């Protein structure tokens, strides 16, 4: 089993070659967002633990919690640069120009 942050995003189990299932998973500690292999079991946890399945599902597409969900550019919807809200300086400039036209 891979630890948080260790999965390689390949979505194939390195032990048996099966396709991994990504989504809300459960364990004795609670619910989490991660991947599991249908043959080998839990594979990687990509989030913290949640008390309920509904709370985990609410964060399934949140890039701040689930690192397999890319943060999208605020202007053009392409994947944003790591740790930023835009994919390029041009998109950031276009967004600012639209929001603040007189500046």
Protein backbone atom coordinates (compact mmCIF):
# COMPACT_ATOMS: atom_id res chain seq x y z
CA UNK A 1 0.00 0.00 0.00
CA UNK A 2 1.26 3.45 -0.88
CA UNK A 3 1.20 6.19 1.75
CA UNK A 4 -0.34 9.65 1.14
CA UNK A 5 1.62 11.44 -1.55
CA UNK A 6 3.44 8.33 -2.73
CA UNK A 7 1.14 7.16 -5.50
CA UNK A 8 2.37 7.78 -9.03
CA UNK A 9 -1.07 8.53 -10.59
CA UNK A 10 -0.67 5.49 -12.88
CA UNK A 11 -4.00 3.98 -11.74
CA UNK A 12 -2.60 0.48 -12.18
CA UNK A 13 -1.61 -1.73 -9.23
CA UNK A 14 2.13 -2.35 -9.32
CA UNK A 15 1.64 -5.72 -7.59
CA UNK A 16 -0.96 -7.36 -9.83
CA UNK A 17 -1.54 -5.00 -12.78
CA UNK A 18 -5.26 -4.47 -12.08
CA UNK A 19 -6.90 -1.10 -12.69
CA UNK A 20 -7.22 0.89 -9.47
CA UNK A 21 -10.57 2.21 -8.26
CA UNK A 22 -10.46 5.88 -7.22
CA UNK A 23 -13.07 7.37 -4.91
CA UNK A 24 -14.31 7.34 -1.34
CA UNK A 25 -12.90 4.37 0.55
CA UNK A 26 -13.54 3.17 4.10
CA UNK A 27 -11.44 1.71 6.88
CA UNK A 28 -11.63 1.28 10.62
CA UNK A 29 -10.35 4.87 11.01
CA UNK A 30 -13.15 6.36 8.89
CA UNK A 31 -13.75 7.38 5.29
CA UNK A 32 -11.07 8.77 3.01
CA UNK A 33 -10.41 9.64 -0.63
CA UNK A 34 -8.03 7.21 -2.23
CA UNK A 35 -7.50 4.25 -4.50
CA UNK A 36 -7.85 0.54 -3.99
CA UNK A 37 -7.04 -2.50 -6.03
CA UNK A 38 -9.94 -4.94 -6.51
CA UNK A 39 -7.53 -7.85 -5.99
CA UNK A 40 -5.00 -6.54 -3.44
CA UNK A 41 -7.12 -4.13 -1.37
CA UNK A 42 -6.30 -0.56 -0.23
CA UNK A 43 -3.64 1.09 -2.37
CA UNK A 44 -3.25 4.81 -1.55
CA UNK A 45 -4.90 7.38 0.69
CA UNK A 46 -5.00 10.86 -0.86
CA UNK A 47 -6.83 12.73 1.90
CA UNK A 48 -7.34 12.89 5.65
CA UNK A 49 -9.98 10.74 7.31
CA UNK A 50 -13.61 11.89 7.45
CA UNK A 51 -16.25 10.90 10.00
CA UNK A 52 -18.94 10.21 7.40
CA UNK A 53 -19.07 9.04 3.81
CA UNK A 54 -21.05 12.15 2.87
CA UNK A 55 -18.28 14.46 4.12
CA UNK A 56 -15.68 12.52 2.15
CA UNK A 57 -17.86 12.63 -0.98
CA UNK A 58 -18.18 16.39 -0.54
CA UNK A 59 -14.39 16.71 -0.87
CA UNK A 60 -13.93 14.19 -3.69
CA UNK A 61 -13.40 16.90 -6.33
CA UNK A 62 -11.74 19.47 -4.06
CA UNK A 63 -8.10 19.94 -5.18
CA UNK A 64 -7.14 21.24 -1.73
CA UNK A 65 -8.04 17.85 -0.22
CA UNK A 66 -7.70 15.39 -3.09
CA UNK A 67 -4.41 15.80 -4.94
CA UNK A 68 -5.65 13.64 -7.82
CA UNK A 69 -8.11 16.40 -8.70
CA UNK A 70 -6.24 19.15 -10.56
CA UNK A 71 -6.81 22.77 -9.63
CA UNK A 72 -8.16 24.50 -12.74
CA UNK A 73 -7.18 27.90 -14.08
CA UNK A 74 -9.57 30.65 -13.02
CA UNK A 75 -9.67 32.02 -16.57
CA UNK A 76 -9.47 29.22 -19.13
CA UNK A 77 -10.12 26.01 -17.09
CA UNK A 78 -6.82 24.34 -18.05
CA UNK A 79 -4.92 22.75 -15.15
CA UNK A 80 -3.35 25.53 -13.06
CA UNK A 81 0.32 25.78 -12.16
CA UNK A 82 1.14 23.96 -8.89
CA UNK A 83 0.12 26.10 -5.93
CA UNK A 84 -1.45 28.82 -8.08
CA UNK A 85 -4.88 29.72 -9.43
CA UNK A 86 -3.91 30.24 -13.09
CA UNK A 87 -2.17 28.17 -15.77
CA UNK A 88 -0.10 31.11 -17.04
CA UNK A 89 0.72 34.73 -16.38
CA UNK A 90 -1.31 35.65 -19.46
CA UNK A 91 -4.48 34.11 -18.00
CA UNK A 92 -3.85 35.84 -14.69
CA UNK A 93 -3.40 39.16 -16.53
CA UNK A 94 -6.59 38.63 -18.59
CA UNK A 95 -8.60 37.89 -15.45
CA UNK A 96 -7.29 40.97 -13.65
CA UNK A 97 -7.92 43.12 -16.73
CA UNK A 98 -11.54 41.92 -16.81
CA UNK A 99 -12.12 42.44 -13.09
CA UNK A 100 -10.35 45.80 -12.88
CA UNK A 101 -10.67 47.46 -16.32
CA UNK A 102 -9.55 50.94 -15.21
CA UNK A 103 -6.31 49.80 -13.57
